[in-house]
PDB file of all heavy atoms in Angstrom:
ATOM      1  N   VAL A   1      14.265 -15.462  24.357  1.00  0.00           N
ATOM      2  CA  VAL A   1      13.382 -15.331  23.279  1.00  0.00           C
ATOM      3  C   VAL A   1      14.104 -15.792  21.911  1.00  0.00           C
ATOM      4  O   VAL A   1      13.531 -16.360  21.051  1.00  0.00           O
ATOM      5  CB  VAL A   1      12.808 -13.968  23.109  1.00  0.00           C
ATOM      6  CG1 VAL A   1      11.799 -13.879  21.898  1.00  0.00           C
ATOM      7  CG2 VAL A   1      12.041 -13.599  24.424  1.00  0.00           C
ATOM      8  N   ILE A   2      15.384 -15.515  21.726  1.00  0.00           N
ATOM      9  CA  ILE A   2      16.187 -15.886  20.702  1.00  0.00           C
ATOM     10  C   ILE A   2      16.165 -17.439  20.644  1.00  0.00           C
ATOM     11  O   ILE A   2      15.894 -17.928  19.600  1.00  0.00           O
ATOM     12  CB  ILE A   2      17.589 -15.251  20.708  1.00  0.00           C
ATOM     13  CG1 ILE A   2      17.506 -13.778  20.444  1.00  0.00           C
ATOM     14  CG2 ILE A   2      18.526 -15.968  19.664  1.00  0.00           C
ATOM     15  CD1 ILE A   2      18.894 -13.099  20.659  1.00  0.00           C
ATOM     16  N   HIS A   3      16.425 -17.965  21.697  1.00  0.00           N
ATOM     17  CA  HIS A   3      16.571 -19.478  21.778  1.00  0.00           C
ATOM     18  C   HIS A   3      15.135 -20.093  21.576  1.00  0.00           C
ATOM     19  O   HIS A   3      15.072 -21.166  20.917  1.00  0.00           O
ATOM     20  CB  HIS A   3      17.216 -19.934  23.075  1.00  0.00           C
ATOM     21  CG  HIS A   3      18.681 -19.635  23.291  1.00  0.00           C
ATOM     22  ND1 HIS A   3      19.553 -19.746  22.256  1.00  0.00           N
ATOM     23  CD2 HIS A   3      19.313 -19.004  24.207  1.00  0.00           C
ATOM     24  CE1 HIS A   3      20.754 -19.409  22.642  1.00  0.00           C
ATOM     25  NE2 HIS A   3      20.597 -18.965  23.845  1.00  0.00           N
ATOM     26  N   ALA A   4      14.203 -19.423  22.073  1.00  0.00           N
ATOM     27  CA  ALA A   4      12.829 -19.992  21.952  1.00  0.00           C
ATOM     28  C   ALA A   4      12.417 -20.024  20.380  1.00  0.00           C
ATOM     29  O   ALA A   4      11.875 -20.879  19.915  1.00  0.00           O
ATOM     30  CB  ALA A   4      11.791 -19.244  22.713  1.00  0.00           C
ATOM     31  N   TYR A   5      12.668 -18.891  19.723  1.00  0.00           N
ATOM     32  CA  TYR A   5      12.423 -18.800  18.368  1.00  0.00           C
ATOM     33  C   TYR A   5      13.267 -19.776  17.546  1.00  0.00           C
ATOM     34  O   TYR A   5      12.774 -20.501  16.713  1.00  0.00           O
ATOM     35  CB  TYR A   5      12.743 -17.479  17.759  1.00  0.00           C
ATOM     36  CG  TYR A   5      11.937 -17.251  16.473  1.00  0.00           C
ATOM     37  CD1 TYR A   5      10.603 -16.711  16.477  1.00  0.00           C
ATOM     38  CD2 TYR A   5      12.572 -17.576  15.218  1.00  0.00           C
ATOM     39  CE1 TYR A   5       9.917 -16.629  15.328  1.00  0.00           C
ATOM     40  CE2 TYR A   5      11.861 -17.473  14.072  1.00  0.00           C
ATOM     41  CZ  TYR A   5      10.478 -16.945  14.136  1.00  0.00           C
ATOM     42  OH  TYR A   5       9.796 -16.761  12.818  1.00  0.00           O
ATOM     43  N   ALA A   6      14.504 -19.953  17.899  1.00  0.00           N
ATOM     44  CA  ALA A   6      15.455 -20.941  17.152  1.00  0.00           C
ATOM     45  C   ALA A   6      14.754 -22.374  17.456  1.00  0.00           C
ATOM     46  O   ALA A   6      14.922 -23.188  16.524  1.00  0.00           O
ATOM     47  CB  ALA A   6      16.831 -20.920  17.812  1.00  0.00           C
ATOM     48  N   ASP A   7      14.190 -22.596  18.640  1.00  0.00           N
ATOM     49  CA  ASP A   7      13.525 -23.960  18.832  1.00  0.00           C
ATOM     50  C   ASP A   7      12.210 -24.129  18.069  1.00  0.00           C
ATOM     51  O   ASP A   7      11.963 -25.229  17.567  1.00  0.00           O
ATOM     52  CB  ASP A   7      13.377 -24.155  20.318  1.00  0.00           C
ATOM     53  CG  ASP A   7      12.889 -25.469  20.678  1.00  0.00           C
ATOM     54  OD1 ASP A   7      13.489 -26.455  20.449  1.00  0.00           O
ATOM     55  OD2 ASP A   7      11.660 -25.485  21.190  1.00  0.00           O
ATOM     56  N   HIS A   8      11.273 -23.188  18.185  1.00  0.00           N
ATOM     57  CA  HIS A   8       9.929 -23.536  17.827  1.00  0.00           C
ATOM     58  C   HIS A   8       9.233 -22.271  17.094  1.00  0.00           C
ATOM     59  O   HIS A   8       8.076 -22.176  16.895  1.00  0.00           O
ATOM     60  CB  HIS A   8       9.046 -23.994  18.907  1.00  0.00           C
ATOM     61  CG  HIS A   8       9.047 -23.118  20.059  1.00  0.00           C
ATOM     62  ND1 HIS A   8       9.859 -23.309  21.125  1.00  0.00           N
ATOM     63  CD2 HIS A   8       8.308 -21.954  20.348  1.00  0.00           C
ATOM     64  CE1 HIS A   8       9.658 -22.309  22.059  1.00  0.00           C
ATOM     65  NE2 HIS A   8       8.708 -21.516  21.576  1.00  0.00           N
ATOM     66  N   GLY A   9       9.957 -21.277  16.687  1.00  0.00           N
ATOM     67  CA  GLY A   9       9.318 -20.219  16.017  1.00  0.00           C
ATOM     68  C   GLY A   9       8.892 -20.542  14.568  1.00  0.00           C
ATOM     69  O   GLY A   9       9.536 -21.438  13.931  1.00  0.00           O
ATOM     70  N   GLU A  10       7.883 -19.885  14.214  1.00  0.00           N
ATOM     71  CA  GLU A  10       7.317 -20.125  12.783  1.00  0.00           C
ATOM     72  C   GLU A  10       7.534 -18.950  11.903  1.00  0.00           C
ATOM     73  O   GLU A  10       6.896 -17.914  12.244  1.00  0.00           O
ATOM     74  CB  GLU A  10       5.889 -20.600  12.786  1.00  0.00           C
ATOM     75  CG  GLU A  10       5.579 -21.949  13.714  1.00  0.00           C
ATOM     76  CD  GLU A  10       4.241 -22.263  13.712  1.00  0.00           C
ATOM     77  OE1 GLU A  10       3.317 -21.597  13.059  1.00  0.00           O
ATOM     78  OE2 GLU A  10       3.814 -23.221  14.445  1.00  0.00           O
ATOM     79  N   THR A  11       8.310 -19.045  10.960  1.00  0.00           N
ATOM     80  CA  THR A  11       8.453 -17.923  10.087  1.00  0.00           C
ATOM     81  C   THR A  11       7.598 -17.945   8.914  1.00  0.00           C
ATOM     82  O   THR A  11       7.793 -18.834   8.030  1.00  0.00           O
ATOM     83  CB  THR A  11       9.980 -17.794   9.494  1.00  0.00           C
ATOM     84  OG1 THR A  11      10.849 -17.742  10.674  1.00  0.00           O
ATOM     85  CG2 THR A  11      10.254 -16.570   8.716  1.00  0.00           C
ATOM     86  N   ARG A  12       6.604 -17.065   8.856  1.00  0.00           N
ATOM     87  CA  ARG A  12       5.645 -16.969   7.719  1.00  0.00           C
ATOM     88  C   ARG A  12       5.986 -15.787   6.908  1.00  0.00           C
ATOM     89  O   ARG A  12       6.670 -14.909   7.297  1.00  0.00           O
ATOM     90  CB  ARG A  12       4.301 -17.022   8.228  1.00  0.00           C
ATOM     91  CG  ARG A  12       3.816 -18.204   8.863  1.00  0.00           C
ATOM     92  CD  ARG A  12       2.515 -18.020   9.711  1.00  0.00           C
ATOM     93  NE  ARG A  12       2.767 -17.259  10.966  1.00  0.00           N
ATOM     94  CZ  ARG A  12       1.950 -16.497  11.566  1.00  0.00           C
ATOM     95  NH1 ARG A  12       0.854 -16.094  10.964  1.00  0.00           N
ATOM     96  NH2 ARG A  12       2.295 -16.027  12.737  1.00  0.00           N
ATOM     97  N   ALA A  13       5.632 -15.818   5.636  1.00  0.00           N
ATOM     98  CA  ALA A  13       5.938 -14.659   4.788  1.00  0.00           C
ATOM     99  C   ALA A  13       5.168 -13.484   5.461  1.00  0.00           C
ATOM    100  O   ALA A  13       4.070 -13.638   6.020  1.00  0.00           O
ATOM    101  CB  ALA A  13       5.435 -14.835   3.314  1.00  0.00           C
ATOM    102  N   ASP A  14       5.645 -12.237   5.349  1.00  0.00           N
ATOM    103  CA  ASP A  14       5.148 -10.879   5.861  1.00  0.00           C
ATOM    104  C   ASP A  14       3.834 -11.098   6.588  1.00  0.00           C
ATOM    105  O   ASP A  14       2.678 -11.354   6.054  1.00  0.00           O
ATOM    106  CB  ASP A  14       4.999 -10.062   4.705  1.00  0.00           C
ATOM    107  CG  ASP A  14       4.746  -8.527   5.098  1.00  0.00           C
ATOM    108  OD1 ASP A  14       4.258  -8.413   6.268  1.00  0.00           O
ATOM    109  OD2 ASP A  14       5.117  -7.682   4.284  1.00  0.00           O
ATOM    110  N   THR A  15       3.974 -11.021   7.913  1.00  0.00           N
ATOM    111  CA  THR A  15       2.639 -11.115   8.785  1.00  0.00           C
ATOM    112  C   THR A  15       2.135  -9.722   9.145  1.00  0.00           C
ATOM    113  O   THR A  15       1.336  -9.660  10.032  1.00  0.00           O
ATOM    114  CB  THR A  15       3.043 -11.898  10.111  1.00  0.00           C
ATOM    115  OG1 THR A  15       4.189 -11.255  10.767  1.00  0.00           O
ATOM    116  CG2 THR A  15       3.349 -13.284   9.741  1.00  0.00           C
ATOM    117  N   ILE A  16       2.615  -8.609   8.444  1.00  0.00           N
ATOM    118  CA  ILE A  16       2.179  -7.277   8.829  1.00  0.00           C
ATOM    119  C   ILE A  16       1.391  -6.737   7.733  1.00  0.00           C
ATOM    120  O   ILE A  16       0.309  -6.148   8.016  1.00  0.00           O
ATOM    121  CB  ILE A  16       3.427  -6.434   9.185  1.00  0.00           C
ATOM    122  CG1 ILE A  16       4.100  -7.002  10.424  1.00  0.00           C
ATOM    123  CG2 ILE A  16       2.984  -5.032   9.331  1.00  0.00           C
ATOM    124  CD1 ILE A  16       5.382  -6.135  10.857  1.00  0.00           C
ATOM    125  N   THR A  17       1.905  -6.552   6.536  1.00  0.00           N
ATOM    126  CA  THR A  17       1.368  -5.718   5.556  1.00  0.00           C
ATOM    127  C   THR A  17      -0.003  -6.040   5.141  1.00  0.00           C
ATOM    128  O   THR A  17      -0.865  -5.224   4.613  1.00  0.00           O
ATOM    129  CB  THR A  17       2.183  -5.605   4.319  1.00  0.00           C
ATOM    130  OG1 THR A  17       2.489  -6.924   3.773  1.00  0.00           O
ATOM    131  CG2 THR A  17       3.484  -4.907   4.584  1.00  0.00           C
ATOM    132  N   GLY A  18      -0.410  -7.390   5.306  1.00  0.00           N
ATOM    133  CA  GLY A  18      -1.815  -7.734   4.888  1.00  0.00           C
ATOM    134  C   GLY A  18      -2.821  -7.675   6.091  1.00  0.00           C
ATOM    135  O   GLY A  18      -3.984  -7.977   5.957  1.00  0.00           O
ATOM    136  N   ALA A  19      -2.288  -7.077   7.247  1.00  0.00           N
ATOM    137  CA  ALA A  19      -3.204  -7.092   8.325  1.00  0.00           C
ATOM    138  C   ALA A  19      -3.639  -5.837   8.882  1.00  0.00           C
ATOM    139  O   ALA A  19      -4.179  -5.609   9.925  1.00  0.00           O
ATOM    140  CB  ALA A  19      -2.337  -7.743   9.562  1.00  0.00           C
ATOM    141  N   TYR A  20      -3.415  -4.672   7.986  1.00  0.00           N
ATOM    142  CA  TYR A  20      -3.725  -3.439   8.459  1.00  0.00           C
ATOM    143  C   TYR A  20      -5.288  -3.156   8.758  1.00  0.00           C
ATOM    144  O   TYR A  20      -5.579  -2.608   9.730  1.00  0.00           O
ATOM    145  CB  TYR A  20      -3.370  -2.315   7.292  1.00  0.00           C
ATOM    146  CG  TYR A  20      -1.932  -2.330   7.010  1.00  0.00           C
ATOM    147  CD1 TYR A  20      -1.445  -2.004   5.801  1.00  0.00           C
ATOM    148  CD2 TYR A  20      -0.909  -2.573   8.020  1.00  0.00           C
ATOM    149  CE1 TYR A  20      -0.032  -2.021   5.413  1.00  0.00           C
ATOM    150  CE2 TYR A  20       0.339  -2.540   7.723  1.00  0.00           C
ATOM    151  CZ  TYR A  20       0.844  -2.188   6.407  1.00  0.00           C
ATOM    152  OH  TYR A  20       2.181  -2.256   6.128  1.00  0.00           O
ATOM    153  N   ASP A  21      -6.051  -3.751   7.972  1.00  0.00           N
ATOM    154  CA  ASP A  21      -7.598  -3.611   8.277  1.00  0.00           C
ATOM    155  C   ASP A  21      -7.961  -4.317   9.605  1.00  0.00           C
ATOM    156  O   ASP A  21      -8.814  -3.761  10.322  1.00  0.00           O
ATOM    157  CB  ASP A  21      -8.365  -4.081   7.031  1.00  0.00           C
ATOM    158  CG  ASP A  21      -8.282  -3.124   5.820  1.00  0.00           C
ATOM    159  OD1 ASP A  21      -7.881  -1.998   5.968  1.00  0.00           O
ATOM    160  OD2 ASP A  21      -8.655  -3.791   4.653  1.00  0.00           O
ATOM    161  N   ALA A  22      -7.438  -5.456   9.694  1.00  0.00           N
ATOM    162  CA  ALA A  22      -7.685  -6.225  10.921  1.00  0.00           C
ATOM    163  C   ALA A  22      -7.266  -5.343  12.147  1.00  0.00           C
ATOM    164  O   ALA A  22      -7.890  -5.414  13.196  1.00  0.00           O
ATOM    165  CB  ALA A  22      -7.076  -7.678  10.843  1.00  0.00           C
ATOM    166  N   ALA A  23      -6.049  -4.787  11.975  1.00  0.00           N
ATOM    167  CA  ALA A  23      -5.508  -4.039  13.180  1.00  0.00           C
ATOM    168  C   ALA A  23      -6.420  -2.904  13.442  1.00  0.00           C
ATOM    169  O   ALA A  23      -6.595  -2.507  14.616  1.00  0.00           O
ATOM    170  CB  ALA A  23      -4.030  -3.543  12.897  1.00  0.00           C
ATOM    171  N   ARG A  24      -6.923  -2.139  12.441  1.00  0.00           N
ATOM    172  CA  ARG A  24      -7.843  -1.029  12.602  1.00  0.00           C
ATOM    173  C   ARG A  24      -9.047  -1.590  13.307  1.00  0.00           C
ATOM    174  O   ARG A  24      -9.731  -0.754  14.063  1.00  0.00           O
ATOM    175  CB  ARG A  24      -8.155  -0.305  11.255  1.00  0.00           C
ATOM    176  CG  ARG A  24      -7.102   0.695  10.970  1.00  0.00           C
ATOM    177  CD  ARG A  24      -7.450   1.512   9.742  1.00  0.00           C
ATOM    178  NE  ARG A  24      -7.150   0.845   8.494  1.00  0.00           N
ATOM    179  CZ  ARG A  24      -5.985   0.822   7.822  1.00  0.00           C
ATOM    180  NH1 ARG A  24      -5.052   1.585   8.382  1.00  0.00           N
ATOM    181  NH2 ARG A  24      -5.710   0.177   6.701  1.00  0.00           N
ATOM    182  N   ALA A  25      -9.484  -2.712  12.950  1.00  0.00           N
ATOM    183  CA  ALA A  25     -10.700  -3.152  13.642  1.00  0.00           C
ATOM    184  C   ALA A  25     -10.548  -3.558  15.092  1.00  0.00           C
ATOM    185  O   ALA A  25     -11.353  -3.242  15.929  1.00  0.00           O
ATOM    186  CB  ALA A  25     -11.031  -4.598  12.835  1.00  0.00           C
ATOM    187  N   VAL A  26      -9.275  -3.948  15.409  1.00  0.00           N
ATOM    188  CA  VAL A  26      -9.022  -4.132  16.870  1.00  0.00           C
ATOM    189  C   VAL A  26      -9.064  -2.783  17.557  1.00  0.00           C
ATOM    190  O   VAL A  26      -9.616  -2.793  18.657  1.00  0.00           O
ATOM    191  CB  VAL A  26      -7.613  -4.763  17.024  1.00  0.00           C
ATOM    192  CG1 VAL A  26      -7.006  -4.791  18.430  1.00  0.00           C
ATOM    193  CG2 VAL A  26      -7.565  -6.156  16.467  1.00  0.00           C
ATOM    194  N   PHE A  27      -8.481  -1.697  16.995  1.00  0.00           N
ATOM    195  CA  PHE A  27      -8.552  -0.463  17.670  1.00  0.00           C
ATOM    196  C   PHE A  27      -9.978   0.014  17.811  1.00  0.00           C
ATOM    197  O   PHE A  27     -10.317   0.519  18.902  1.00  0.00           O
ATOM    198  CB  PHE A  27      -7.771   0.665  16.848  1.00  0.00           C
ATOM    199  CG  PHE A  27      -6.390   0.689  17.191  1.00  0.00           C
ATOM    200  CD1 PHE A  27      -5.526  -0.516  17.447  1.00  0.00           C
ATOM    201  CD2 PHE A  27      -5.763   1.869  17.558  1.00  0.00           C
ATOM    202  CE1 PHE A  27      -4.145  -0.352  17.704  1.00  0.00           C
ATOM    203  CE2 PHE A  27      -4.462   1.942  17.945  1.00  0.00           C
ATOM    204  CZ  PHE A  27      -3.626   0.720  18.056  1.00  0.00           C
ATOM    205  N   ALA A  28     -10.767  -0.232  16.806  1.00  0.00           N
ATOM    206  CA  ALA A  28     -12.291   0.223  16.935  1.00  0.00           C
ATOM    207  C   ALA A  28     -12.940  -0.607  17.950  1.00  0.00           C
ATOM    208  O   ALA A  28     -13.726  -0.093  18.670  1.00  0.00           O
ATOM    209  CB  ALA A  28     -12.906  -0.023  15.572  1.00  0.00           C
ATOM    210  N   ASP A  29     -12.594  -1.817  18.097  1.00  0.00           N
ATOM    211  CA  ASP A  29     -13.295  -2.702  19.156  1.00  0.00           C
ATOM    212  C   ASP A  29     -12.796  -2.306  20.529  1.00  0.00           C
ATOM    213  O   ASP A  29     -13.628  -2.300  21.533  1.00  0.00           O
ATOM    214  CB  ASP A  29     -12.861  -4.169  18.919  1.00  0.00           C
ATOM    215  CG  ASP A  29     -13.569  -4.719  17.740  1.00  0.00           C
ATOM    216  OD1 ASP A  29     -14.569  -4.125  17.176  1.00  0.00           O
ATOM    217  OD2 ASP A  29     -13.176  -5.765  17.238  1.00  0.00           O
ATOM    218  N   LEU A  30     -11.495  -2.009  20.673  1.00  0.00           N
ATOM    219  CA  LEU A  30     -11.003  -1.405  21.957  1.00  0.00           C
ATOM    220  C   LEU A  30     -11.737  -0.199  22.462  1.00  0.00           C
ATOM    221  O   LEU A  30     -12.108  -0.005  23.599  1.00  0.00           O
ATOM    222  CB  LEU A  30      -9.498  -1.227  21.883  1.00  0.00           C
ATOM    223  CG  LEU A  30      -8.636  -2.441  21.843  1.00  0.00           C
ATOM    224  CD1 LEU A  30      -7.190  -2.072  21.431  1.00  0.00           C
ATOM    225  CD2 LEU A  30      -8.649  -3.244  23.117  1.00  0.00           C
ATOM    226  N   GLU A  31     -12.008   0.712  21.413  1.00  0.00           N
ATOM    227  CA  GLU A  31     -12.595   1.924  21.754  1.00  0.00           C
ATOM    228  C   GLU A  31     -14.070   1.638  22.120  1.00  0.00           C
ATOM    229  O   GLU A  31     -14.660   2.299  23.083  1.00  0.00           O
ATOM    230  CB  GLU A  31     -12.662   2.901  20.487  1.00  0.00           C
ATOM    231  CG  GLU A  31     -13.252   4.262  20.819  1.00  0.00           C
ATOM    232  CD  GLU A  31     -13.181   5.144  19.565  1.00  0.00           C
ATOM    233  OE1 GLU A  31     -12.782   4.713  18.416  1.00  0.00           O
ATOM    234  OE2 GLU A  31     -13.644   6.352  19.679  1.00  0.00           O
ATOM    235  N   SER A  32     -14.713   0.711  21.408  1.00  0.00           N
ATOM    236  CA  SER A  32     -16.202   0.387  21.689  1.00  0.00           C
ATOM    237  C   SER A  32     -16.319  -0.163  23.122  1.00  0.00           C
ATOM    238  O   SER A  32     -17.436  -0.034  23.576  1.00  0.00           O
ATOM    239  CB  SER A  32     -16.643  -0.598  20.629  1.00  0.00           C
ATOM    240  OG  SER A  32     -16.052  -1.889  20.824  1.00  0.00           O
ATOM    241  N   VAL A  33     -15.423  -0.894  23.660  1.00  0.00           N
ATOM    242  CA  VAL A  33     -15.524  -1.321  25.094  1.00  0.00           C
ATOM    243  C   VAL A  33     -15.065  -0.327  26.098  1.00  0.00           C
ATOM    244  O   VAL A  33     -15.114  -0.701  27.332  1.00  0.00           O
ATOM    245  CB  VAL A  33     -14.859  -2.719  25.286  1.00  0.00           C
ATOM    246  CG1 VAL A  33     -15.433  -3.741  24.247  1.00  0.00           C
ATOM    247  CG2 VAL A  33     -13.329  -2.715  25.051  1.00  0.00           C
ATOM    248  N   GLY A  34     -14.459   0.783  25.706  1.00  0.00           N
ATOM    249  CA  GLY A  34     -14.081   1.757  26.697  1.00  0.00           C
ATOM    250  C   GLY A  34     -12.659   1.928  26.891  1.00  0.00           C
ATOM    251  O   GLY A  34     -12.235   2.492  27.856  1.00  0.00           O
ATOM    252  N   VAL A  35     -11.660   1.351  26.081  1.00  0.00           N
ATOM    253  CA  VAL A  35     -10.310   1.519  26.263  1.00  0.00           C
ATOM    254  C   VAL A  35      -9.850   2.747  25.497  1.00  0.00           C
ATOM    255  O   VAL A  35      -9.979   2.891  24.323  1.00  0.00           O
ATOM    256  CB  VAL A  35      -9.593   0.338  25.736  1.00  0.00           C
ATOM    257  CG1 VAL A  35      -8.070   0.563  25.797  1.00  0.00           C
ATOM    258  CG2 VAL A  35      -9.880  -0.922  26.504  1.00  0.00           C
ATOM    259  N   ASP A  36      -9.281   3.776  26.289  1.00  0.00           N
ATOM    260  CA  ASP A  36      -8.810   4.958  25.651  1.00  0.00           C
ATOM    261  C   ASP A  36      -7.313   4.829  25.352  1.00  0.00           C
ATOM    262  O   ASP A  36      -6.464   4.835  26.133  1.00  0.00           O
ATOM    263  CB  ASP A  36      -8.927   6.057  26.765  1.00  0.00           C
ATOM    264  CG  ASP A  36      -8.506   7.417  26.190  1.00  0.00           C
ATOM    265  OD1 ASP A  36      -7.913   7.441  25.098  1.00  0.00           O
ATOM    266  OD2 ASP A  36      -8.736   8.485  26.905  1.00  0.00           O
ATOM    267  N   MET A  37      -7.018   4.489  24.016  1.00  0.00           N
ATOM    268  CA  MET A  37      -5.756   4.206  23.673  1.00  0.00           C
ATOM    269  C   MET A  37      -4.746   5.378  23.868  1.00  0.00           C
ATOM    270  O   MET A  37      -3.513   5.260  24.121  1.00  0.00           O
ATOM    271  CB  MET A  37      -5.709   3.748  22.240  1.00  0.00           C
ATOM    272  CG  MET A  37      -6.128   2.293  22.027  1.00  0.00           C
ATOM    273  SD  MET A  37      -5.167   1.056  22.975  1.00  0.00           S
ATOM    274  CE  MET A  37      -3.554   1.294  22.233  1.00  0.00           C
ATOM    275  N   ALA A  38      -5.314   6.583  23.679  1.00  0.00           N
ATOM    276  CA  ALA A  38      -4.434   7.723  23.867  1.00  0.00           C
ATOM    277  C   ALA A  38      -3.921   7.804  25.281  1.00  0.00           C
ATOM    278  O   ALA A  38      -2.707   8.191  25.638  1.00  0.00           O
ATOM    279  CB  ALA A  38      -5.133   9.086  23.669  1.00  0.00           C
TER     280      ALA A  38
END
């Protein structure tokens, strides 16, 4: 994986902190289709 990233990884500015709402939406969608995350 280290070598793969060195070859073709794409480093974008912070890919986490702006994604919290979208992440919560994923959890809501998983629950709606019947996936019990607990």
